[in-house]
C-alpha atoms as a PDB file:
ATOM      1  CA  GLU A   1     -15.499 -14.794   5.591  1.00  0.00           C
ATOM      2  CA  GLY A   2     -16.790 -17.435   4.000  1.00  0.00           C
ATOM      3  CA  ASN A   3     -19.109 -15.765   2.041  1.00  0.00           C
ATOM      4  CA  THR A   4     -19.740 -16.868  -1.569  1.00  0.00           C
ATOM      5  CA  THR A   5     -22.925 -14.795  -2.776  1.00  0.00           C
ATOM      6  CA  ILE A   6     -21.406 -11.357  -2.465  1.00  0.00           C
ATOM      7  CA  GLN A   7     -21.260  -9.417  -5.852  1.00  0.00           C
ATOM      8  CA  LYS A   8     -20.841  -5.528  -4.758  1.00  0.00           C
ATOM      9  CA  LEU A   9     -19.172  -4.113  -1.791  1.00  0.00           C
ATOM     10  CA  SER A  10     -19.365  -0.258  -1.119  1.00  0.00           C
ATOM     11  CA  LEU A  11     -17.697   1.332   1.851  1.00  0.00           C
ATOM     12  CA  THR A  12     -16.948   4.785   0.838  1.00  0.00           C
ATOM     13  CA  PHE A  13     -16.229   8.202   2.821  1.00  0.00           C
ATOM     14  CA  GLY A  14     -15.139   6.442   5.836  1.00  0.00           C
ATOM     15  CA  THR A  15     -14.446   8.658   8.796  1.00  0.00           C
ATOM     16  CA  PRO A  16     -11.334   7.822   9.536  1.00  0.00           C
ATOM     17  CA  GLY A  17     -12.002   5.181   7.053  1.00  0.00           C
ATOM     18  CA  LEU A  18     -10.054   1.905   6.131  1.00  0.00           C
ATOM     19  CA  GLN A  19      -6.676   3.297   6.071  1.00  0.00           C
ATOM     20  CA  GLY A  20      -3.762   0.932   5.420  1.00  0.00           C
ATOM     21  CA  GLU A  21      -4.499  -1.589   8.055  1.00  0.00           C
ATOM     22  CA  GLY A  22      -7.906  -2.014   7.524  1.00  0.00           C
ATOM     23  CA  THR A  23      -7.798  -2.290   3.464  1.00  0.00           C
ATOM     24  CA  GLY A  24      -4.854  -5.170   4.315  1.00  0.00           C
ATOM     25  CA  LYS A  25      -7.480  -7.136   6.168  1.00  0.00           C
ATOM     26  CA  LEU A  26     -10.298  -6.754   3.420  1.00  0.00           C
ATOM     27  CA  ALA A  27      -7.464  -7.716   1.008  1.00  0.00           C
ATOM     28  CA  ALA A  28      -6.780 -10.655   2.520  1.00  0.00           C
ATOM     29  CA  TRP A  29     -10.519 -11.528   2.418  1.00  0.00           C
ATOM     30  CA  LEU A  30     -10.647 -10.591  -1.221  1.00  0.00           C
ATOM     31  CA  GLY A  31      -7.631 -12.692  -2.276  1.00  0.00           C
ATOM     32  CA  ALA A  32      -9.764 -15.811  -1.410  1.00  0.00           C
ATOM     33  CA  ASN A  33     -13.143 -14.684  -2.620  1.00  0.00           C
ATOM     34  CA  ALA A  34     -14.420 -15.712  -6.281  1.00  0.00           C
ATOM     35  CA  SER A  35     -17.716 -13.686  -6.132  1.00  0.00           C
ATOM     36  CA  LEU A  36     -17.235 -10.324  -5.739  1.00  0.00           C
ATOM     37  CA  THR A  37     -17.260  -8.465  -9.137  1.00  0.00           C
ATOM     38  CA  ILE A  38     -17.431  -4.600  -7.796  1.00  0.00           C
ATOM     39  CA  LEU A  39     -15.338  -3.084  -5.102  1.00  0.00           C
ATOM     40  CA  ASP A  40     -15.717   0.891  -3.960  1.00  0.00           C
ATOM     41  CA  LEU A  41     -13.060   2.197  -1.457  1.00  0.00           C
ATOM     42  CA  THR A  42     -13.913   5.751  -2.546  1.00  0.00           C
ATOM     43  CA  ALA A  43     -12.258   7.942   0.053  1.00  0.00           C
ATOM     44  CA  ASN A  44     -10.582   5.741   2.932  1.00  0.00           C
ATOM     45  CA  SER A  45      -7.316   7.009   3.277  1.00  0.00           C
ATOM     46  CA  ILE A  46      -5.914   3.716   1.925  1.00  0.00           C
ATOM     47  CA  LYS A  47      -2.612   5.257   0.856  1.00  0.00           C
ATOM     48  CA  ASP A  48       0.106   3.153  -1.128  1.00  0.00           C
ATOM     49  CA  GLY A  49       0.127   0.607   1.689  1.00  0.00           C
ATOM     50  CA  GLY A  50      -3.394  -0.147   1.320  1.00  0.00           C
ATOM     51  CA  VAL A  51      -3.076  -0.329  -2.278  1.00  0.00           C
ATOM     52  CA  ALA A  52      -0.109  -2.567  -2.353  1.00  0.00           C
ATOM     53  CA  ALA A  53      -2.276  -5.189  -0.465  1.00  0.00           C
ATOM     54  CA  LEU A  54      -5.198  -4.761  -2.609  1.00  0.00           C
ATOM     55  CA  SER A  55      -2.699  -5.426  -5.533  1.00  0.00           C
ATOM     56  CA  GLU A  56      -1.575  -8.738  -3.994  1.00  0.00           C
ATOM     57  CA  ALA A  57      -4.902  -9.834  -4.092  1.00  0.00           C
ATOM     58  CA  ILE A  58      -5.793  -8.889  -7.640  1.00  0.00           C
ATOM     59  CA  LYS A  59      -2.343 -10.723  -8.562  1.00  0.00           C
ATOM     60  CA  ASN A  60      -2.848 -13.899  -7.206  1.00  0.00           C
ATOM     61  CA  GLY A  61      -5.786 -14.619  -9.536  1.00  0.00           C
ATOM     62  CA  ALA A  62      -8.064 -15.927  -7.068  1.00  0.00           C
ATOM     63  CA  THR A  63     -10.449 -12.722  -7.190  1.00  0.00           C
ATOM     64  CA  MET A  64     -12.786 -12.112 -10.112  1.00  0.00           C
ATOM     65  CA  LEU A  65     -13.020  -8.501  -9.520  1.00  0.00           C
ATOM     66  CA  LYS A  66     -14.200  -6.469 -12.718  1.00  0.00           C
ATOM     67  CA  THR A  67     -14.706  -2.912 -10.937  1.00  0.00           C
ATOM     68  CA  LEU A  68     -12.143  -1.273  -8.591  1.00  0.00           C
ATOM     69  CA  MET A  69     -12.820   2.387  -7.458  1.00  0.00           C
ATOM     70  CA  LEU A  70     -10.104   3.978  -5.393  1.00  0.00           C
ATOM     71  CA  SER A  71     -10.847   7.558  -5.785  1.00  0.00           C
ATOM     72  CA  THR A  72      -9.380  10.296  -3.139  1.00  0.00           C
ATOM     73  CA  ASN A  73      -7.263   7.723  -1.381  1.00  0.00           C
ATOM     74  CA  GLN A  74      -3.901   9.532  -1.201  1.00  0.00           C
ATOM     75  CA  ILE A  75      -2.342   7.087  -3.292  1.00  0.00           C
ATOM     76  CA  GLY A  76       0.931   8.185  -4.987  1.00  0.00           C
ATOM     77  CA  GLU A  77       3.521   6.275  -7.538  1.00  0.00           C
ATOM     78  CA  ASP A  78       4.125   3.356  -5.494  1.00  0.00           C
ATOM     79  CA  GLY A  79       0.649   2.356  -5.076  1.00  0.00           C
ATOM     80  CA  ALA A  80       0.303   3.046  -8.781  1.00  0.00           C
ATOM     81  CA  SER A  81       2.961   0.880  -9.543  1.00  0.00           C
ATOM     82  CA  ALA A  82       1.884  -2.119  -7.374  1.00  0.00           C
ATOM     83  CA  LEU A  83      -1.662  -1.937  -9.274  1.00  0.00           C
ATOM     84  CA  GLY A  84       0.720  -1.819 -12.691  1.00  0.00           C
ATOM     85  CA  THR A  85       2.386  -5.113 -11.393  1.00  0.00           C
ATOM     86  CA  ALA A  86      -0.759  -6.445 -10.424  1.00  0.00           C
ATOM     87  CA  LEU A  87      -2.561  -5.740 -14.056  1.00  0.00           C
ATOM     88  CA  GLU A  88       0.244  -7.484 -15.977  1.00  0.00           C
ATOM     89  CA  ASN A  89      -1.174 -10.780 -15.590  1.00  0.00           C
ATOM     90  CA  ASN A  90      -4.589 -10.091 -14.463  1.00  0.00           C
ATOM     91  CA  ASN A  91      -7.223 -11.020 -16.914  1.00  0.00           C
ATOM     92  CA  SER A  92     -10.699 -10.146 -14.592  1.00  0.00           C
ATOM     93  CA  LEU A  93     -10.593  -6.519 -13.970  1.00  0.00           C
ATOM     94  CA  THR A  94     -12.188  -4.257 -16.726  1.00  0.00           C
ATOM     95  CA  SER A  95     -12.441  -0.828 -15.073  1.00  0.00           C
ATOM     96  CA  LEU A  96     -10.306   0.901 -12.556  1.00  0.00           C
ATOM     97  CA  THR A  97     -10.784   4.330 -11.163  1.00  0.00           C
ATOM     98  CA  LEU A  98      -7.969   6.273  -9.456  1.00  0.00           C
ATOM     99  CA  THR A  99      -9.522  10.049  -9.724  1.00  0.00           C
ATOM    100  CA  ASP A 100      -8.214  12.736  -7.427  1.00  0.00           C
ATOM    101  CA  ASN A 101      -5.339  11.226  -6.160  1.00  0.00           C
ATOM    102  CA  GLN A 102      -1.151  11.739  -6.767  1.00  0.00           C
ATOM    103  CA  ILE A 103       0.180   9.154  -8.921  1.00  0.00           C
ATOM    104  CA  GLY A 104       1.958  11.767 -10.938  1.00  0.00           C
ATOM    105  CA  ASN A 105       4.549  10.928 -13.888  1.00  0.00           C
ATOM    106  CA  ASN A 106       6.270   7.915 -12.325  1.00  0.00           C
ATOM    107  CA  GLY A 107       2.516   6.183 -11.469  1.00  0.00           C
ATOM    108  CA  THR A 108       1.231   6.823 -14.889  1.00  0.00           C
ATOM    109  CA  VAL A 109       4.294   5.579 -16.774  1.00  0.00           C
ATOM    110  CA  ALA A 110       4.198   2.057 -14.523  1.00  0.00           C
ATOM    111  CA  LEU A 111       0.423   1.685 -15.463  1.00  0.00           C
ATOM    112  CA  ALA A 112       0.711   2.233 -19.219  1.00  0.00           C
ATOM    113  CA  GLU A 113       3.917   0.188 -19.248  1.00  0.00           C
ATOM    114  CA  ALA A 114       1.115  -2.715 -17.579  1.00  0.00           C
ATOM    115  CA  LEU A 115      -1.542  -1.694 -20.005  1.00  0.00           C
ATOM    116  CA  LYS A 116       1.060  -2.965 -22.886  1.00  0.00           C
ATOM    117  CA  LYS A 117       0.581  -6.371 -21.574  1.00  0.00           C
ATOM    118  CA  ASN A 118      -3.064  -6.321 -20.276  1.00  0.00           C
ATOM    119  CA  THR A 119      -5.685  -7.663 -22.354  1.00  0.00           C
ATOM    120  CA  THR A 120      -8.774  -7.107 -20.201  1.00  0.00           C
ATOM    121  CA  LEU A 121      -9.016  -3.638 -18.582  1.00  0.00           C
ATOM    122  CA  SER A 122     -11.129  -1.364 -20.673  1.00  0.00           C
ATOM    123  CA  SER A 123     -11.953   1.616 -18.501  1.00  0.00           C
ATOM    124  CA  LEU A 124      -8.923   3.795 -17.043  1.00  0.00           C
ATOM    125  CA  MET A 125     -10.169   7.066 -14.890  1.00  0.00           C
ATOM    126  CA  LEU A 126      -7.244   9.145 -13.977  1.00  0.00           C
ATOM    127  CA  ASP A 127      -8.686  12.375 -13.356  1.00  0.00           C
ATOM    128  CA  SER A 128      -6.909  14.958 -11.107  1.00  0.00           C
ATOM    129  CA  ASN A 129      -3.666  13.189 -10.561  1.00  0.00           C
ATOM    130  CA  GLN A 130      -0.663  15.352 -10.734  1.00  0.00           C
ATOM    131  CA  ILE A 131       0.005  13.880 -14.500  1.00  0.00           C
ATOM    132  CA  LYS A 132       1.990  15.716 -16.712  1.00  0.00           C
ATOM    133  CA  ALA A 133       3.339  15.598 -20.461  1.00  0.00           C
ATOM    134  CA  GLN A 134       5.419  12.726 -19.595  1.00  0.00           C
ATOM    135  CA  GLY A 135       2.802  10.674 -18.026  1.00  0.00           C
ATOM    136  CA  ALA A 136       0.097  11.545 -20.794  1.00  0.00           C
ATOM    137  CA  SER A 137       2.879  10.610 -23.594  1.00  0.00           C
ATOM    138  CA  ALA A 138       3.253   7.188 -21.805  1.00  0.00           C
ATOM    139  CA  LEU A 139      -0.409   6.418 -22.167  1.00  0.00           C
ATOM    140  CA  ALA A 140      -0.721   7.705 -25.846  1.00  0.00           C
ATOM    141  CA  GLU A 141       2.397   5.183 -26.692  1.00  0.00           C
ATOM    142  CA  MET A 142       0.583   2.451 -24.709  1.00  0.00           C
ATOM    143  CA  LEU A 143      -2.461   3.057 -26.858  1.00  0.00           C
ATOM    144  CA  ARG A 144      -0.498   2.621 -29.975  1.00  0.00           C
ATOM    145  CA  SER A 145      -0.864  -1.129 -29.391  1.00  0.00           C
ATOM    146  CA  ASN A 146      -3.549  -1.884 -26.954  1.00  0.00           C
ATOM    147  CA  ALA A 147      -6.105  -2.886 -28.758  1.00  0.00           C
ATOM    148  CA  THR A 148      -8.799  -3.165 -24.960  1.00  0.00           C
ATOM    149  CA  LEU A 149      -9.258   0.428 -23.635  1.00  0.00           C
ATOM    150  CA  THR A 150     -11.980   2.224 -24.812  1.00  0.00           C
ATOM    151  CA  ARG A 151     -12.623   4.809 -22.083  1.00  0.00           C
ATOM    152  CA  LEU A 152      -9.616   6.932 -20.741  1.00  0.00           C
ATOM    153  CA  SER A 153     -10.191   9.984 -18.594  1.00  0.00           C
ATOM    154  CA  LEU A 154      -7.606  12.805 -17.826  1.00  0.00           C
ATOM    155  CA  GLU A 155      -9.779  15.814 -16.706  1.00  0.00           C
ATOM    156  CA  SER A 156      -8.742  18.015 -14.113  1.00  0.00           C
ATOM    157  CA  HIS A 157     -11.613  18.990 -11.244  1.00  0.00           C
ATOM    158  CA  THR A 158     -10.229  22.425 -11.505  1.00  0.00           C
ATOM    159  CA  LEU A 159     -13.013  23.693  -8.833  1.00  0.00           C
ATOM    160  CA  LEU A 160     -12.319  20.994  -6.214  1.00  0.00           C
ATOM    161  CA  HIS A 161      -8.237  21.301  -6.243  1.00  0.00           C
ATOM    162  CA  ASP A 162      -5.811  23.692  -6.038  1.00  0.00           C
ATOM    163  CA  LYS A 163      -3.088  23.822  -9.312  1.00  0.00           C
ATOM    164  CA  SER A 164      -0.803  21.324  -7.654  1.00  0.00           C
ATOM    165  CA  GLN A 165      -3.471  18.487  -8.000  1.00  0.00           C
ATOM    166  CA  VAL A 166      -4.576  18.657 -11.227  1.00  0.00           C
ATOM    167  CA  ASN A 167      -3.323  17.029 -14.541  1.00  0.00           C
ATOM    168  CA  ASP A 168      -1.539  19.435 -16.972  1.00  0.00           C
ATOM    169  CA  ILE A 169      -0.169  17.756 -20.293  1.00  0.00           C
ATOM    170  CA  ASP A 170       0.450  20.846 -21.784  1.00  0.00           C
ATOM    171  CA  ASN A 171       1.355  20.855 -26.067  1.00  0.00           C
ATOM    172  CA  GLU A 172       3.329  17.537 -25.663  1.00  0.00           C
ATOM    173  CA  GLY A 173       0.938  15.132 -24.046  1.00  0.00           C
ATOM    174  CA  THR A 174      -2.175  16.262 -26.291  1.00  0.00           C
ATOM    175  CA  LEU A 175      -0.008  15.823 -29.523  1.00  0.00           C
ATOM    176  CA  ALA A 176       1.143  12.665 -28.080  1.00  0.00           C
ATOM    177  CA  PHE A 177      -2.779  11.765 -27.895  1.00  0.00           C
ATOM    178  CA  ALA A 178      -3.504  13.192 -31.572  1.00  0.00           C
ATOM    179  CA  GLU A 179      -0.556  11.111 -33.115  1.00  0.00           C
ATOM    180  CA  MET A 180      -1.933   8.129 -31.375  1.00  0.00           C
ATOM    181  CA  LEU A 181      -5.432   8.814 -32.732  1.00  0.00           C
ATOM    182  CA  ARG A 182      -3.929   8.301 -36.294  1.00  0.00           C
ATOM    183  CA  VAL A 183      -3.626   4.302 -35.557  1.00  0.00           C
ATOM    184  CA  ASN A 184      -5.800   3.702 -32.502  1.00  0.00           C
ATOM    185  CA  LYS A 185      -9.181   2.153 -33.651  1.00  0.00           C
ATOM    186  CA  THR A 186     -10.195   1.042 -30.381  1.00  0.00           C
ATOM    187  CA  LEU A 187     -10.621   4.253 -28.160  1.00  0.00           C
ATOM    188  CA  ARG A 188     -14.432   5.517 -27.780  1.00  0.00           C
ATOM    189  CA  PHE A 189     -13.797   7.996 -24.944  1.00  0.00           C
ATOM    190  CA  LEU A 190     -10.800  10.286 -24.133  1.00  0.00           C
ATOM    191  CA  ASN A 191     -11.476  13.224 -21.667  1.00  0.00           C
ATOM    192  CA  LEU A 192      -9.277  15.976 -21.580  1.00  0.00           C
ATOM    193  CA  ASN A 193     -11.086  18.810 -19.884  1.00  0.00           C
ATOM    194  CA  ASP A 194      -9.016  21.199 -18.376  1.00  0.00           C
ATOM    195  CA  ALA A 195      -6.259  18.813 -18.370  1.00  0.00           C
ATOM    196  CA  GLY A 196      -3.779  21.756 -19.710  1.00  0.00           C
ATOM    197  CA  THR A 197      -4.586  21.393 -23.291  1.00  0.00           C
ATOM    198  CA  HIS A 198      -3.971  24.532 -25.615  1.00  0.00           C
ATOM    199  CA  ALA A 199      -6.084  25.902 -28.297  1.00  0.00           C
ATOM    200  CA  GLU A 200      -3.335  25.038 -31.144  1.00  0.00           C
ATOM    201  CA  THR A 201      -2.709  21.541 -30.374  1.00  0.00           C
ATOM    202  CA  VAL A 202      -6.686  21.106 -29.577  1.00  0.00           C
ATOM    203  CA  ARG A 203      -7.022  22.138 -33.073  1.00  0.00           C
ATOM    204  CA  THR A 204      -4.806  19.522 -34.436  1.00  0.00           C
ATOM    205  CA  LEU A 205      -6.440  16.929 -32.031  1.00  0.00           C
ATOM    206  CA  ALA A 206      -9.674  17.961 -33.981  1.00  0.00           C
ATOM    207  CA  LYS A 207      -8.587  17.552 -37.150  1.00  0.00           C
ATOM    208  CA  ILE A 208      -7.645  13.938 -36.538  1.00  0.00           C
ATOM    209  CA  MET A 209     -10.782  13.021 -34.792  1.00  0.00           C
END
Protein backbone atom coordinates (compact mmCIF):
# COMPACT_ATOMS: atom_id res chain seq x y z
CA GLU A 1 0.00 0.00 0.00
CA GLY A 2 1.33 3.43 -0.94
CA ASN A 3 3.98 2.08 -3.35
CA THR A 4 4.22 4.18 -6.53
CA THR A 5 7.31 2.68 -8.19
CA ILE A 6 6.88 -1.08 -8.70
CA GLN A 7 6.20 -1.94 -12.34
CA LYS A 8 6.22 -5.76 -12.41
CA LEU A 9 4.77 -8.17 -9.86
CA SER A 10 5.13 -11.95 -10.23
CA LEU A 11 3.43 -14.31 -7.75
CA THR A 12 3.42 -17.66 -9.52
CA PHE A 13 2.86 -21.33 -8.66
CA GLY A 14 1.82 -20.64 -5.09
CA THR A 15 0.94 -23.44 -2.65
CA PRO A 16 -1.93 -23.21 -1.88
CA GLY A 17 -1.76 -19.96 -3.85
CA LEU A 18 -3.53 -16.65 -3.47
CA GLN A 19 -6.94 -18.19 -4.15
CA GLY A 20 -9.99 -15.94 -4.28
CA GLU A 21 -9.54 -14.15 -0.95
CA GLY A 22 -5.91 -13.23 -1.51
CA THR A 23 -6.62 -12.11 -5.06
CA GLY A 24 -9.41 -9.87 -3.77
CA LYS A 25 -6.96 -8.09 -1.47
CA LEU A 26 -4.44 -7.75 -4.28
CA ALA A 27 -7.14 -6.38 -6.58
CA ALA A 28 -8.06 -3.70 -4.05
CA TRP A 29 -4.45 -2.52 -4.10
CA LEU A 30 -4.27 -2.79 -7.89
CA GLY A 31 -7.36 -0.65 -8.33
CA ALA A 32 -5.54 2.31 -6.78
CA ASN A 33 -2.10 1.64 -8.29
CA ALA A 34 -0.98 3.59 -11.34
CA SER A 35 2.58 2.24 -11.67
CA LEU A 36 2.22 -1.53 -12.11
CA THR A 37 2.32 -2.58 -15.78
CA ILE A 38 2.92 -6.37 -15.57
CA LEU A 39 1.10 -8.80 -13.28
CA ASP A 40 1.77 -12.56 -13.40
CA LEU A 41 -0.47 -14.74 -11.21
CA THR A 42 0.13 -18.07 -12.94
CA ALA A 43 -1.09 -21.11 -10.98
CA ASN A 44 -2.67 -19.52 -7.91
CA SER A 45 -6.12 -21.19 -7.82
CA ILE A 46 -7.78 -17.78 -8.08
CA LYS A 47 -10.83 -19.20 -9.90
CA ASP A 48 -13.77 -17.10 -11.09
CA GLY A 49 -14.11 -15.13 -7.86
CA GLY A 50 -10.55 -13.92 -7.99
CA VAL A 51 -10.86 -12.98 -11.64
CA ALA A 52 -14.03 -11.01 -10.91
CA ALA A 53 -12.15 -8.96 -8.30
CA LEU A 54 -9.28 -8.29 -10.72
CA SER A 55 -11.76 -7.35 -13.43
CA GLU A 56 -13.33 -4.72 -11.20
CA ALA A 57 -9.88 -3.22 -10.61
CA ILE A 58 -9.19 -3.14 -14.35
CA LYS A 59 -12.61 -1.71 -15.13
CA ASN A 60 -12.36 1.23 -12.74
CA GLY A 61 -9.71 2.90 -14.90
CA ALA A 62 -7.15 3.73 -12.19
CA THR A 63 -4.68 0.95 -13.03
CA MET A 64 -2.28 1.26 -15.96
CA LEU A 65 -1.75 -2.51 -16.20
CA LYS A 66 -0.57 -3.59 -19.65
CA THR A 67 0.18 -7.31 -19.25
CA LEU A 68 -1.96 -9.77 -17.25
CA MET A 69 -1.01 -13.45 -17.01
CA LEU A 70 -3.57 -15.80 -15.44
CA SER A 71 -2.60 -19.25 -16.73
CA THR A 72 -3.56 -22.41 -14.82
CA ASN A 73 -6.05 -20.83 -12.40
CA GLN A 74 -9.22 -22.93 -12.81
CA ILE A 75 -10.97 -20.01 -14.51
CA GLY A 76 -14.32 -20.81 -16.11
CA GLU A 77 -16.84 -18.96 -18.25
CA ASP A 78 -17.92 -16.63 -15.41
CA GLY A 79 -14.38 -15.41 -14.94
CA ALA A 80 -13.94 -14.89 -18.68
CA SER A 81 -17.22 -12.98 -18.84
CA ALA A 82 -16.06 -10.70 -16.01
CA LEU A 83 -12.84 -10.01 -17.89
CA GLY A 84 -14.85 -9.31 -21.03
CA THR A 85 -16.91 -6.67 -19.23
CA ALA A 86 -13.71 -5.05 -17.97
CA LEU A 87 -12.12 -5.06 -21.43
CA GLU A 88 -15.02 -3.28 -23.11
CA ASN A 89 -13.86 0.12 -21.88
CA ASN A 90 -10.29 -0.58 -20.76
CA ASN A 91 -7.63 1.40 -22.63
CA SER A 92 -4.41 0.15 -21.03
CA LEU A 93 -4.24 -3.67 -21.20
CA THR A 94 -2.35 -4.92 -24.27
CA SER A 95 -1.68 -8.58 -23.40
CA LEU A 96 -3.94 -11.17 -21.73
CA THR A 97 -2.88 -14.78 -21.10
CA LEU A 98 -5.53 -17.30 -19.99
CA THR A 99 -3.72 -20.50 -21.00
CA ASP A 100 -4.72 -23.79 -19.35
CA ASN A 101 -8.08 -22.79 -17.89
CA GLN A 102 -11.67 -23.86 -18.64
CA ILE A 103 -13.38 -20.82 -20.17
CA GLY A 104 -15.13 -22.93 -22.83
CA ASN A 105 -17.34 -21.60 -25.62
CA ASN A 106 -19.42 -19.22 -23.49
CA GLY A 107 -16.38 -17.56 -21.96
CA THR A 108 -14.75 -17.25 -25.35
CA VAL A 109 -17.87 -15.67 -26.86
CA ALA A 110 -17.93 -13.13 -24.01
CA LEU A 111 -14.32 -12.18 -24.66
CA ALA A 112 -14.94 -11.94 -28.41
CA GLU A 113 -17.91 -9.62 -27.90
CA ALA A 114 -15.81 -7.38 -25.65
CA LEU A 115 -13.02 -7.20 -28.21
CA LYS A 116 -15.43 -5.79 -30.77
CA LYS A 117 -15.30 -2.64 -28.62
CA ASN A 118 -11.79 -2.81 -27.15
CA THR A 119 -9.11 -0.93 -29.10
CA THR A 120 -6.04 -1.71 -26.98
CA LEU A 121 -5.51 -5.47 -26.53
CA SER A 122 -3.02 -6.82 -29.06
CA SER A 123 -2.24 -10.30 -27.67
CA LEU A 124 -4.69 -12.98 -26.45
CA MET A 125 -3.52 -16.46 -25.40
CA LEU A 126 -6.29 -19.04 -24.97
CA ASP A 127 -4.38 -22.33 -25.23
CA SER A 128 -6.06 -25.42 -23.73
CA ASN A 129 -9.37 -23.89 -22.65
CA GLN A 130 -12.05 -26.36 -23.81
CA ILE A 131 -12.87 -24.10 -26.77
CA LYS A 132 -14.91 -25.68 -29.57
CA ALA A 133 -16.13 -24.49 -32.98
CA GLN A 134 -18.63 -22.01 -31.53
CA GLY A 135 -15.97 -20.16 -29.56
CA ALA A 136 -13.53 -20.18 -32.47
CA SER A 137 -16.20 -18.84 -34.83
CA ALA A 138 -16.97 -16.00 -32.39
CA LEU A 139 -13.29 -15.05 -32.31
CA ALA A 140 -13.11 -15.17 -36.11
CA GLU A 141 -16.18 -12.96 -36.43
CA MET A 142 -14.67 -10.45 -34.00
CA LEU A 143 -11.45 -10.35 -36.01
CA ARG A 144 -13.34 -9.28 -39.12
CA SER A 145 -13.68 -5.82 -37.56
CA ASN A 146 -11.06 -5.70 -34.79
CA ALA A 147 -7.98 -3.83 -36.02
CA THR A 148 -5.89 -4.09 -32.83
CA LEU A 149 -5.32 -7.77 -32.04
CA THR A 150 -2.12 -9.06 -33.65
CA ARG A 151 -1.54 -12.32 -31.72
CA LEU A 152 -4.06 -15.08 -31.01
CA SER A 153 -3.25 -18.57 -29.77
CA LEU A 154 -5.62 -21.53 -29.42
CA GLU A 155 -2.99 -24.26 -29.17
CA SER A 156 -3.79 -27.40 -27.21
CA HIS A 157 -1.14 -28.70 -24.85
CA THR A 158 -2.02 -32.32 -25.53
CA LEU A 159 0.99 -33.70 -23.65
CA LEU A 160 -0.10 -31.95 -20.45
CA HIS A 161 -3.88 -32.42 -20.45
CA ASP A 162 -6.46 -35.07 -21.16
CA LYS A 163 -8.80 -34.68 -24.12
CA SER A 164 -11.50 -32.88 -22.11
CA GLN A 165 -9.19 -29.92 -21.46
CA VAL A 166 -7.90 -29.21 -24.95
CA ASN A 167 -9.33 -26.96 -27.65
CA ASP A 168 -11.13 -28.69 -30.50
CA ILE A 169 -12.33 -26.16 -33.10
CA ASP A 170 -12.99 -28.79 -35.81
CA ASN A 171 -13.64 -27.92 -39.47
CA GLU A 172 -16.20 -25.23 -38.69
CA GLY A 173 -13.82 -23.22 -36.52
CA THR A 174 -10.90 -23.60 -38.91
CA LEU A 175 -12.97 -22.45 -41.89
CA ALA A 176 -14.22 -19.46 -39.89
CA PHE A 177 -10.62 -18.39 -39.35
CA ALA A 178 -9.85 -18.95 -43.03
CA GLU A 179 -12.73 -16.71 -44.11
CA MET A 180 -11.70 -14.09 -41.55
CA LEU A 181 -8.18 -13.93 -43.01
CA ARG A 182 -9.63 -12.82 -46.34
CA VAL A 183 -10.55 -9.47 -44.77
CA ASN A 184 -8.37 -9.06 -41.67
CA LYS A 185 -5.10 -7.23 -42.37
CA THR A 186 -3.94 -6.82 -38.76
CA LEU A 187 -3.43 -10.31 -37.31
CA ARG A 188 0.22 -11.41 -37.49
CA PHE A 189 0.27 -14.60 -35.37
CA LEU A 190 -2.42 -17.29 -35.30
CA ASN A 191 -1.56 -20.51 -33.44
CA LEU A 192 -3.88 -23.48 -34.01
CA ASN A 193 -1.45 -26.29 -33.15
CA ASP A 194 -3.29 -29.42 -31.98
CA ALA A 195 -6.54 -27.44 -31.86
CA GLY A 196 -8.65 -30.03 -33.65
CA THR A 197 -8.00 -28.82 -37.18
CA HIS A 198 -8.37 -31.26 -40.12
CA ALA A 199 -6.22 -31.70 -43.19
CA GLU A 200 -8.81 -30.51 -45.71
CA THR A 201 -9.61 -27.29 -43.86
CA VAL A 202 -5.94 -26.58 -43.13
CA ARG A 203 -5.35 -26.70 -46.88
CA THR A 204 -8.05 -24.07 -47.32
CA LEU A 205 -6.42 -21.97 -44.60
CA ALA A 206 -3.02 -22.33 -46.28
CA LYS A 207 -4.36 -21.16 -49.65
CA ILE A 208 -5.71 -17.96 -48.14
CA MET A 209 -2.54 -17.28 -46.18
